[in-house]
PDB file of all heavy atoms in Angstrom:
ATOM      1  N   ARG A   1      -4.792  -9.391  -5.101  1.00  0.00           N
ATOM      2  CA  ARG A   1      -4.725 -10.065  -6.410  1.00  0.00           C
ATOM      3  C   ARG A   1      -5.897  -9.678  -7.305  1.00  0.00           C
ATOM      4  O   ARG A   1      -5.805  -9.801  -8.519  1.00  0.00           O
ATOM      5  CB  ARG A   1      -4.693 -11.584  -6.227  1.00  0.00           C
ATOM      6  CG  ARG A   1      -3.419 -12.119  -5.597  1.00  0.00           C
ATOM      7  CD  ARG A   1      -3.270 -13.611  -5.876  1.00  0.00           C
ATOM      8  NE  ARG A   1      -4.463 -14.352  -5.527  1.00  0.00           N
ATOM      9  CZ  ARG A   1      -4.704 -14.889  -4.339  1.00  0.00           C
ATOM     10  NH1 ARG A   1      -3.828 -14.714  -3.349  1.00  0.00           N
ATOM     11  NH2 ARG A   1      -5.812 -15.570  -4.125  1.00  0.00           N
ATOM     12  N   HIS A   2      -6.990  -9.223  -6.711  1.00  0.00           N
ATOM     13  CA  HIS A   2      -8.150  -8.837  -7.514  1.00  0.00           C
ATOM     14  C   HIS A   2      -8.129  -7.362  -7.908  1.00  0.00           C
ATOM     15  O   HIS A   2      -9.002  -6.922  -8.652  1.00  0.00           O
ATOM     16  CB  HIS A   2      -9.444  -9.136  -6.744  1.00  0.00           C
ATOM     17  CG  HIS A   2      -9.916 -10.539  -6.882  1.00  0.00           C
ATOM     18  ND1 HIS A   2     -11.010 -10.904  -7.633  1.00  0.00           N
ATOM     19  CD2 HIS A   2      -9.426 -11.704  -6.375  1.00  0.00           C
ATOM     20  CE1 HIS A   2     -11.182 -12.202  -7.582  1.00  0.00           C
ATOM     21  NE2 HIS A   2     -10.232 -12.715  -6.813  1.00  0.00           N
ATOM     22  N   ALA A   3      -7.178  -6.615  -7.412  1.00  0.00           N
ATOM     23  CA  ALA A   3      -7.245  -5.159  -7.547  1.00  0.00           C
ATOM     24  C   ALA A   3      -6.680  -4.649  -8.866  1.00  0.00           C
ATOM     25  O   ALA A   3      -5.622  -5.081  -9.310  1.00  0.00           O
ATOM     26  CB  ALA A   3      -6.494  -4.508  -6.392  1.00  0.00           C
ATOM     27  N   ASP A   4      -7.401  -3.697  -9.454  1.00  0.00           N
ATOM     28  CA  ASP A   4      -6.840  -2.855 -10.519  1.00  0.00           C
ATOM     29  C   ASP A   4      -6.139  -1.643  -9.910  1.00  0.00           C
ATOM     30  O   ASP A   4      -5.245  -1.067 -10.509  1.00  0.00           O
ATOM     31  CB  ASP A   4      -7.950  -2.337 -11.448  1.00  0.00           C
ATOM     32  CG  ASP A   4      -8.621  -3.446 -12.239  1.00  0.00           C
ATOM     33  OD1 ASP A   4      -7.949  -4.439 -12.564  1.00  0.00           O
ATOM     34  OD2 ASP A   4      -9.824  -3.312 -12.516  1.00  0.00           O
ATOM     35  N   HIS A   5      -6.586  -1.265  -8.709  1.00  0.00           N
ATOM     36  CA  HIS A   5      -6.104  -0.039  -8.074  1.00  0.00           C
ATOM     37  C   HIS A   5      -6.122  -0.251  -6.566  1.00  0.00           C
ATOM     38  O   HIS A   5      -7.122  -0.730  -6.020  1.00  0.00           O
ATOM     39  CB  HIS A   5      -7.022   1.133  -8.455  1.00  0.00           C
ATOM     40  CG  HIS A   5      -6.513   2.478  -8.083  1.00  0.00           C
ATOM     41  ND1 HIS A   5      -6.314   3.482  -9.000  1.00  0.00           N
ATOM     42  CD2 HIS A   5      -6.157   3.009  -6.899  1.00  0.00           C
ATOM     43  CE1 HIS A   5      -5.874   4.566  -8.392  1.00  0.00           C
ATOM     44  NE2 HIS A   5      -5.755   4.297  -7.101  1.00  0.00           N
ATOM     45  N   VAL A   6      -5.026   0.099  -5.894  1.00  0.00           N
ATOM     46  CA  VAL A   6      -4.908  -0.101  -4.452  1.00  0.00           C
ATOM     47  C   VAL A   6      -4.884   1.251  -3.753  1.00  0.00           C
ATOM     48  O   VAL A   6      -4.146   2.157  -4.159  1.00  0.00           O
ATOM     49  CB  VAL A   6      -3.632  -0.894  -4.104  1.00  0.00           C
ATOM     50  CG1 VAL A   6      -3.472  -1.016  -2.585  1.00  0.00           C
ATOM     51  CG2 VAL A   6      -3.668  -2.278  -4.751  1.00  0.00           C
ATOM     52  N   LEU A   7      -5.698   1.386  -2.706  1.00  0.00           N
ATOM     53  CA  LEU A   7      -5.744   2.595  -1.892  1.00  0.00           C
ATOM     54  C   LEU A   7      -5.247   2.242  -0.490  1.00  0.00           C
ATOM     55  O   LEU A   7      -5.876   1.437   0.211  1.00  0.00           O
ATOM     56  CB  LEU A   7      -7.165   3.146  -1.821  1.00  0.00           C
ATOM     57  CG  LEU A   7      -7.788   3.584  -3.155  1.00  0.00           C
ATOM     58  CD1 LEU A   7      -9.268   3.902  -2.977  1.00  0.00           C
ATOM     59  CD2 LEU A   7      -7.056   4.775  -3.738  1.00  0.00           C
ATOM     60  N   LEU A   8      -4.107   2.827  -0.110  1.00  0.00           N
ATOM     61  CA  LEU A   8      -3.533   2.591   1.199  1.00  0.00           C
ATOM     62  C   LEU A   8      -4.017   3.679   2.150  1.00  0.00           C
ATOM     63  O   LEU A   8      -3.728   4.857   1.948  1.00  0.00           O
ATOM     64  CB  LEU A   8      -2.001   2.604   1.128  1.00  0.00           C
ATOM     65  CG  LEU A   8      -1.366   1.632   0.126  1.00  0.00           C
ATOM     66  CD1 LEU A   8       0.155   1.791   0.143  1.00  0.00           C
ATOM     67  CD2 LEU A   8      -1.757   0.191   0.434  1.00  0.00           C
ATOM     68  N   LEU A   9      -4.760   3.307   3.175  1.00  0.00           N
ATOM     69  CA  LEU A   9      -5.297   4.268   4.137  1.00  0.00           C
ATOM     70  C   LEU A   9      -4.289   4.504   5.255  1.00  0.00           C
ATOM     71  O   LEU A   9      -3.718   3.545   5.787  1.00  0.00           O
ATOM     72  CB  LEU A   9      -6.601   3.752   4.744  1.00  0.00           C
ATOM     73  CG  LEU A   9      -7.822   3.642   3.834  1.00  0.00           C
ATOM     74  CD1 LEU A   9      -9.035   3.226   4.651  1.00  0.00           C
ATOM     75  CD2 LEU A   9      -8.088   4.943   3.119  1.00  0.00           C
ATOM     76  N   ALA A  10      -4.096   5.762   5.608  1.00  0.00           N
ATOM     77  CA  ALA A  10      -3.131   6.088   6.660  1.00  0.00           C
ATOM     78  C   ALA A  10      -3.605   7.270   7.476  1.00  0.00           C
ATOM     79  O   ALA A  10      -4.246   8.189   6.959  1.00  0.00           O
ATOM     80  CB  ALA A  10      -1.767   6.389   6.038  1.00  0.00           C
ATOM     81  N   GLU A  11      -3.282   7.236   8.768  1.00  0.00           N
ATOM     82  CA  GLU A  11      -3.485   8.369   9.654  1.00  0.00           C
ATOM     83  C   GLU A  11      -2.208   9.198   9.690  1.00  0.00           C
ATOM     84  O   GLU A  11      -1.104   8.650   9.677  1.00  0.00           O
ATOM     85  CB  GLU A  11      -3.818   7.886  11.074  1.00  0.00           C
ATOM     86  CG  GLU A  11      -5.213   7.321  11.235  1.00  0.00           C
ATOM     87  CD  GLU A  11      -6.263   8.410  11.402  1.00  0.00           C
ATOM     88  OE1 GLU A  11      -5.879   9.598  11.389  1.00  0.00           O
ATOM     89  OE2 GLU A  11      -7.447   8.070  11.542  1.00  0.00           O
ATOM     90  N   PRO A  12      -2.304  10.524   9.735  1.00  0.00           N
ATOM     91  CA  PRO A  12      -1.091  11.349   9.837  1.00  0.00           C
ATOM     92  C   PRO A  12      -0.296  10.979  11.090  1.00  0.00           C
ATOM     93  O   PRO A  12      -0.874  10.691  12.144  1.00  0.00           O
ATOM     94  CB  PRO A  12      -1.638  12.776   9.919  1.00  0.00           C
ATOM     95  CG  PRO A  12      -3.013  12.698   9.349  1.00  0.00           C
ATOM     96  CD  PRO A  12      -3.529  11.348   9.693  1.00  0.00           C
ATOM     97  N   ASP A  13       0.993  10.984  10.954  1.00  0.00           N
ATOM     98  CA  ASP A  13       1.931  10.760  12.064  1.00  0.00           C
ATOM     99  C   ASP A  13       1.928   9.329  12.594  1.00  0.00           C
ATOM    100  O   ASP A  13       2.807   8.973  13.378  1.00  0.00           O
ATOM    101  CB  ASP A  13       1.653  11.711  13.238  1.00  0.00           C
ATOM    102  CG  ASP A  13       1.689  13.173  12.830  1.00  0.00           C
ATOM    103  OD1 ASP A  13       2.558  13.519  12.003  1.00  0.00           O
ATOM    104  OD2 ASP A  13       0.862  13.958  13.307  1.00  0.00           O
ATOM    105  N   ALA A  14       0.968   8.492  12.222  1.00  0.00           N
ATOM    106  CA  ALA A  14       0.884   7.140  12.771  1.00  0.00           C
ATOM    107  C   ALA A  14       1.926   6.240  12.130  1.00  0.00           C
ATOM    108  O   ALA A  14       2.160   6.310  10.916  1.00  0.00           O
ATOM    109  CB  ALA A  14      -0.506   6.564  12.542  1.00  0.00           C
ATOM    110  N   PRO A  15       2.583   5.375  12.898  1.00  0.00           N
ATOM    111  CA  PRO A  15       3.613   4.484  12.333  1.00  0.00           C
ATOM    112  C   PRO A  15       3.002   3.420  11.428  1.00  0.00           C
ATOM    113  O   PRO A  15       1.809   3.102  11.518  1.00  0.00           O
ATOM    114  CB  PRO A  15       4.250   3.855  13.572  1.00  0.00           C
ATOM    115  CG  PRO A  15       3.195   3.938  14.626  1.00  0.00           C
ATOM    116  CD  PRO A  15       2.435   5.199  14.357  1.00  0.00           C
ATOM    117  N   LEU A  16       3.827   2.863  10.596  1.00  0.00           N
ATOM    118  CA  LEU A  16       3.400   1.833   9.655  1.00  0.00           C
ATOM    119  C   LEU A  16       3.141   0.524  10.394  1.00  0.00           C
ATOM    120  O   LEU A  16       3.855   0.167  11.333  1.00  0.00           O
ATOM    121  CB  LEU A  16       4.499   1.641   8.603  1.00  0.00           C
ATOM    122  CG  LEU A  16       4.183   0.808   7.359  1.00  0.00           C
ATOM    123  CD1 LEU A  16       3.082   1.464   6.543  1.00  0.00           C
ATOM    124  CD2 LEU A  16       5.447   0.664   6.514  1.00  0.00           C
ATOM    125  N   ARG A  17       2.129  -0.198   9.959  1.00  0.00           N
ATOM    126  CA  ARG A  17       1.859  -1.506  10.532  1.00  0.00           C
ATOM    127  C   ARG A  17       3.029  -2.453  10.291  1.00  0.00           C
ATOM    128  O   ARG A  17       3.694  -2.394   9.244  1.00  0.00           O
ATOM    129  CB  ARG A  17       0.592  -2.110   9.933  1.00  0.00           C
ATOM    130  CG  ARG A  17      -0.692  -1.591  10.542  1.00  0.00           C
ATOM    131  CD  ARG A  17      -1.887  -2.234   9.872  1.00  0.00           C
ATOM    132  NE  ARG A  17      -3.082  -2.093  10.673  1.00  0.00           N
ATOM    133  CZ  ARG A  17      -4.274  -2.547  10.305  1.00  0.00           C
ATOM    134  NH1 ARG A  17      -4.416  -3.168   9.139  1.00  0.00           N
ATOM    135  NH2 ARG A  17      -5.313  -2.387  11.082  1.00  0.00           N
ATOM    136  N   ALA A  18       3.253  -3.341  11.227  1.00  0.00           N
ATOM    137  CA  ALA A  18       4.357  -4.297  11.116  1.00  0.00           C
ATOM    138  C   ALA A  18       4.182  -5.148   9.864  1.00  0.00           C
ATOM    139  O   ALA A  18       3.104  -5.673   9.590  1.00  0.00           O
ATOM    140  CB  ALA A  18       4.389  -5.185  12.357  1.00  0.00           C
ATOM    141  N   GLY A  19       5.261  -5.270   9.108  1.00  0.00           N
ATOM    142  CA  GLY A  19       5.257  -6.113   7.920  1.00  0.00           C
ATOM    143  C   GLY A  19       4.690  -5.479   6.678  1.00  0.00           C
ATOM    144  O   GLY A  19       4.778  -6.052   5.584  1.00  0.00           O
ATOM    145  N   ALA A  20       4.090  -4.288   6.798  1.00  0.00           N
ATOM    146  CA  ALA A  20       3.423  -3.672   5.650  1.00  0.00           C
ATOM    147  C   ALA A  20       4.411  -3.302   4.547  1.00  0.00           C
ATOM    148  O   ALA A  20       4.147  -3.530   3.359  1.00  0.00           O
ATOM    149  CB  ALA A  20       2.641  -2.437   6.083  1.00  0.00           C
ATOM    150  N   ALA A  21       5.557  -2.722   4.923  1.00  0.00           N
ATOM    151  CA  ALA A  21       6.525  -2.289   3.909  1.00  0.00           C
ATOM    152  C   ALA A  21       7.040  -3.474   3.106  1.00  0.00           C
ATOM    153  O   ALA A  21       7.131  -3.421   1.870  1.00  0.00           O
ATOM    154  CB  ALA A  21       7.678  -1.544   4.578  1.00  0.00           C
ATOM    155  N   ASP A  22       7.396  -4.564   3.793  1.00  0.00           N
ATOM    156  CA  ASP A  22       7.918  -5.747   3.097  1.00  0.00           C
ATOM    157  C   ASP A  22       6.856  -6.351   2.191  1.00  0.00           C
ATOM    158  O   ASP A  22       7.139  -6.730   1.047  1.00  0.00           O
ATOM    159  CB  ASP A  22       8.399  -6.783   4.109  1.00  0.00           C
ATOM    160  CG  ASP A  22       9.650  -6.346   4.847  1.00  0.00           C
ATOM    161  OD1 ASP A  22      10.348  -5.442   4.334  1.00  0.00           O
ATOM    162  OD2 ASP A  22       9.927  -6.893   5.925  1.00  0.00           O
ATOM    163  N   TYR A  23       5.626  -6.437   2.692  1.00  0.00           N
ATOM    164  CA  TYR A  23       4.551  -7.023   1.883  1.00  0.00           C
ATOM    165  C   TYR A  23       4.288  -6.197   0.631  1.00  0.00           C
ATOM    166  O   TYR A  23       4.200  -6.732  -0.482  1.00  0.00           O
ATOM    167  CB  TYR A  23       3.277  -7.146   2.712  1.00  0.00           C
ATOM    168  CG  TYR A  23       2.063  -7.496   1.886  1.00  0.00           C
ATOM    169  CD1 TYR A  23       1.922  -8.761   1.321  1.00  0.00           C
ATOM    170  CD2 TYR A  23       1.061  -6.550   1.638  1.00  0.00           C
ATOM    171  CE1 TYR A  23       0.818  -9.080   0.539  1.00  0.00           C
ATOM    172  CE2 TYR A  23      -0.047  -6.862   0.870  1.00  0.00           C
ATOM    173  CZ  TYR A  23      -0.163  -8.122   0.324  1.00  0.00           C
ATOM    174  OH  TYR A  23      -1.243  -8.441  -0.457  1.00  0.00           O
ATOM    175  N   LEU A  24       4.172  -4.889   0.788  1.00  0.00           N
ATOM    176  CA  LEU A  24       3.867  -4.038  -0.358  1.00  0.00           C
ATOM    177  C   LEU A  24       5.001  -4.017  -1.360  1.00  0.00           C
ATOM    178  O   LEU A  24       4.767  -3.945  -2.574  1.00  0.00           O
ATOM    179  CB  LEU A  24       3.544  -2.619   0.127  1.00  0.00           C
ATOM    180  CG  LEU A  24       2.249  -2.493   0.942  1.00  0.00           C
ATOM    181  CD1 LEU A  24       2.143  -1.103   1.556  1.00  0.00           C
ATOM    182  CD2 LEU A  24       1.036  -2.784   0.065  1.00  0.00           C
ATOM    183  N   ALA A  25       6.237  -4.077  -0.892  1.00  0.00           N
ATOM    184  CA  ALA A  25       7.367  -4.141  -1.815  1.00  0.00           C
ATOM    185  C   ALA A  25       7.362  -5.453  -2.588  1.00  0.00           C
ATOM    186  O   ALA A  25       7.707  -5.497  -3.777  1.00  0.00           O
ATOM    187  CB  ALA A  25       8.681  -3.983  -1.042  1.00  0.00           C
ATOM    188  N   ARG A  26       6.940  -6.515  -1.931  1.00  0.00           N
ATOM    189  CA  ARG A  26       6.942  -7.838  -2.567  1.00  0.00           C
ATOM    190  C   ARG A  26       5.882  -7.943  -3.657  1.00  0.00           C
ATOM    191  O   ARG A  26       6.086  -8.628  -4.670  1.00  0.00           O
ATOM    192  CB  ARG A  26       6.716  -8.904  -1.488  1.00  0.00           C
ATOM    193  CG  ARG A  26       6.911 -10.325  -1.957  1.00  0.00           C
ATOM    194  CD  ARG A  26       6.972 -11.286  -0.779  1.00  0.00           C
ATOM    195  NE  ARG A  26       5.687 -11.435  -0.094  1.00  0.00           N
ATOM    196  CZ  ARG A  26       5.440 -10.995   1.133  1.00  0.00           C
ATOM    197  NH1 ARG A  26       6.389 -10.376   1.820  1.00  0.00           N
ATOM    198  NH2 ARG A  26       4.250 -11.174   1.683  1.00  0.00           N
ATOM    199  N   VAL A  27       4.743  -7.286  -3.463  1.00  0.00           N
ATOM    200  CA  VAL A  27       3.642  -7.429  -4.428  1.00  0.00           C
ATOM    201  C   VAL A  27       3.563  -6.239  -5.389  1.00  0.00           C
ATOM    202  O   VAL A  27       2.634  -6.176  -6.200  1.00  0.00           O
ATOM    203  CB  VAL A  27       2.293  -7.587  -3.694  1.00  0.00           C
ATOM    204  CG1 VAL A  27       2.316  -8.826  -2.820  1.00  0.00           C
ATOM    205  CG2 VAL A  27       1.959  -6.334  -2.870  1.00  0.00           C
ATOM    206  N   ARG A  28       4.512  -5.335  -5.318  1.00  0.00           N
ATOM    207  CA  ARG A  28       4.463  -4.135  -6.157  1.00  0.00           C
ATOM    208  C   ARG A  28       4.474  -4.500  -7.642  1.00  0.00           C
ATOM    209  O   ARG A  28       5.196  -5.389  -8.075  1.00  0.00           O
ATOM    210  CB  ARG A  28       5.647  -3.221  -5.832  1.00  0.00           C
ATOM    211  CG  ARG A  28       5.631  -1.911  -6.597  1.00  0.00           C
ATOM    212  CD  ARG A  28       6.843  -1.053  -6.266  1.00  0.00           C
ATOM    213  NE  ARG A  28       6.824   0.192  -6.993  1.00  0.00           N
ATOM    214  CZ  ARG A  28       7.274   0.321  -8.250  1.00  0.00           C
ATOM    215  NH1 ARG A  28       7.789  -0.719  -8.869  1.00  0.00           N
ATOM    216  NH2 ARG A  28       7.216   1.494  -8.866  1.00  0.00           N
ATOM    217  N   SER A  29       3.667  -3.803  -8.421  1.00  0.00           N
ATOM    218  CA  SER A  29       3.594  -4.010  -9.866  1.00  0.00           C
ATOM    219  C   SER A  29       3.430  -2.661 -10.556  1.00  0.00           C
ATOM    220  O   SER A  29       2.650  -1.819 -10.097  1.00  0.00           O
ATOM    221  CB  SER A  29       2.414  -4.915 -10.222  1.00  0.00           C
ATOM    222  OG  SER A  29       2.161  -4.906 -11.617  1.00  0.00           O
ATOM    223  N   ASP A  30       4.159  -2.468 -11.645  1.00  0.00           N
ATOM    224  CA  ASP A  30       4.014  -1.230 -12.416  1.00  0.00           C
ATOM    225  C   ASP A  30       2.632  -1.125 -13.054  1.00  0.00           C
ATOM    226  O   ASP A  30       2.225  -0.035 -13.475  1.00  0.00           O
ATOM    227  CB  ASP A  30       5.090  -1.159 -13.498  1.00  0.00           C
ATOM    228  CG  ASP A  30       6.477  -0.949 -12.933  1.00  0.00           C
ATOM    229  OD1 ASP A  30       6.582  -0.439 -11.806  1.00  0.00           O
ATOM    230  OD2 ASP A  30       7.464  -1.303 -13.611  1.00  0.00           O
ATOM    231  N   TRP A  31       1.925  -2.247 -13.138  1.00  0.00           N
ATOM    232  CA  TRP A  31       0.620  -2.253 -13.790  1.00  0.00           C
ATOM    233  C   TRP A  31      -0.514  -1.901 -12.825  1.00  0.00           C
ATOM    234  O   TRP A  31      -1.591  -1.499 -13.249  1.00  0.00           O
ATOM    235  CB  TRP A  31       0.339  -3.628 -14.393  1.00  0.00           C
ATOM    236  CG  TRP A  31       1.135  -3.917 -15.621  1.00  0.00           C
ATOM    237  CD1 TRP A  31       2.314  -4.587 -15.695  1.00  0.00           C
ATOM    238  CD2 TRP A  31       0.803  -3.559 -16.961  1.00  0.00           C
ATOM    239  NE1 TRP A  31       2.736  -4.674 -17.003  1.00  0.00           N
ATOM    240  CE2 TRP A  31       1.824  -4.050 -17.797  1.00  0.00           C
ATOM    241  CE3 TRP A  31      -0.262  -2.868 -17.549  1.00  0.00           C
ATOM    242  CZ2 TRP A  31       1.812  -3.877 -19.182  1.00  0.00           C
ATOM    243  CZ3 TRP A  31      -0.264  -2.693 -18.927  1.00  0.00           C
ATOM    244  CH2 TRP A  31       0.758  -3.195 -19.723  1.00  0.00           C
ATOM    245  N   ILE A  32      -0.296  -2.115 -11.533  1.00  0.00           N
ATOM    246  CA  ILE A  32      -1.341  -1.869 -10.550  1.00  0.00           C
ATOM    247  C   ILE A  32      -1.017  -0.569  -9.821  1.00  0.00           C
ATOM    248  O   ILE A  32      -0.023  -0.484  -9.108  1.00  0.00           O
ATOM    249  CB  ILE A  32      -1.438  -3.026  -9.520  1.00  0.00           C
ATOM    250  CG1 ILE A  32      -1.563  -4.368 -10.251  1.00  0.00           C
ATOM    251  CG2 ILE A  32      -2.605  -2.791  -8.580  1.00  0.00           C
ATOM    252  CD1 ILE A  32      -2.774  -4.481 -11.138  1.00  0.00           C
ATOM    253  N   ARG A  33      -1.837   0.439 -10.016  1.00  0.00           N
ATOM    254  CA  ARG A  33      -1.554   1.744  -9.436  1.00  0.00           C
ATOM    255  C   ARG A  33      -1.910   1.750  -7.950  1.00  0.00           C
ATOM    256  O   ARG A  33      -2.918   1.172  -7.532  1.00  0.00           O
ATOM    257  CB  ARG A  33      -2.353   2.823 -10.172  1.00  0.00           C
ATOM    258  CG  ARG A  33      -1.912   4.243  -9.824  1.00  0.00           C
ATOM    259  CD  ARG A  33      -2.399   5.221 -10.852  1.00  0.00           C
ATOM    260  NE  ARG A  33      -3.845   5.307 -10.902  1.00  0.00           N
ATOM    261  CZ  ARG A  33      -4.513   5.899 -11.884  1.00  0.00           C
ATOM    262  NH1 ARG A  33      -3.869   6.432 -12.890  1.00  0.00           N
ATOM    263  NH2 ARG A  33      -5.839   5.957 -11.871  1.00  0.00           N
ATOM    264  N   THR A  34      -1.078   2.414  -7.167  1.00  0.00           N
ATOM    265  CA  THR A  34      -1.279   2.514  -5.734  1.00  0.00           C
ATOM    266  C   THR A  34      -1.265   3.972  -5.313  1.00  0.00           C
ATOM    267  O   THR A  34      -0.373   4.722  -5.699  1.00  0.00           O
ATOM    268  CB  THR A  34      -0.174   1.751  -4.973  1.00  0.00           C
ATOM    269  OG1 THR A  34      -0.220   0.364  -5.332  1.00  0.00           O
ATOM    270  CG2 THR A  34      -0.349   1.892  -3.473  1.00  0.00           C
ATOM    271  N   ASP A  35      -2.256   4.381  -4.545  1.00  0.00           N
ATOM    272  CA  ASP A  35      -2.317   5.718  -3.959  1.00  0.00           C
ATOM    273  C   ASP A  35      -2.313   5.601  -2.442  1.00  0.00           C
ATOM    274  O   ASP A  35      -2.779   4.598  -1.885  1.00  0.00           O
ATOM    275  CB  ASP A  35      -3.592   6.456  -4.389  1.00  0.00           C
ATOM    276  CG  ASP A  35      -3.610   6.819  -5.863  1.00  0.00           C
ATOM    277  OD1 ASP A  35      -2.518   7.000  -6.441  1.00  0.00           O
ATOM    278  OD2 ASP A  35      -4.712   6.908  -6.429  1.00  0.00           O
ATOM    279  N   ILE A  36      -1.804   6.626  -1.785  1.00  0.00           N
ATOM    280  CA  ILE A  36      -1.920   6.732  -0.335  1.00  0.00           C
ATOM    281  C   ILE A  36      -3.021   7.743  -0.025  1.00  0.00           C
ATOM    282  O   ILE A  36      -2.985   8.877  -0.502  1.00  0.00           O
ATOM    283  CB  ILE A  36      -0.605   7.177   0.313  1.00  0.00           C
ATOM    284  CG1 ILE A  36       0.493   6.129   0.077  1.00  0.00           C
ATOM    285  CG2 ILE A  36      -0.789   7.389   1.812  1.00  0.00           C
ATOM    286  CD1 ILE A  36       1.838   6.520   0.648  1.00  0.00           C
ATOM    287  N   VAL A  37      -4.011   7.318   0.745  1.00  0.00           N
ATOM    288  CA  VAL A  37      -5.112   8.183   1.148  1.00  0.00           C
ATOM    289  C   VAL A  37      -4.899   8.530   2.616  1.00  0.00           C
ATOM    290  O   VAL A  37      -4.855   7.645   3.477  1.00  0.00           O
ATOM    291  CB  VAL A  37      -6.468   7.496   0.952  1.00  0.00           C
ATOM    292  CG1 VAL A  37      -7.600   8.425   1.382  1.00  0.00           C
ATOM    293  CG2 VAL A  37      -6.641   7.071  -0.509  1.00  0.00           C
ATOM    294  N   VAL A  38      -4.756   9.818   2.899  1.00  0.00           N
ATOM    295  CA  VAL A  38      -4.452  10.278   4.254  1.00  0.00           C
ATOM    296  C   VAL A  38      -5.728  10.812   4.896  1.00  0.00           C
ATOM    297  O   VAL A  38      -6.351  11.746   4.376  1.00  0.00           O
ATOM    298  CB  VAL A  38      -3.357  11.354   4.247  1.00  0.00           C
ATOM    299  CG1 VAL A  38      -2.879  11.623   5.674  1.00  0.00           C
ATOM    300  CG2 VAL A  38      -2.180  10.930   3.371  1.00  0.00           C
TER     301      VAL A  38
END
């Protein structure tokens, strides 16, 4: 809620944490930019 910009950290080939996809889809906003950092 405090973020102007979200950085999602990920390891190559590693599976997604449980619940992460649903949570991120629920809080997604066109105003808050999100990057994936590998």
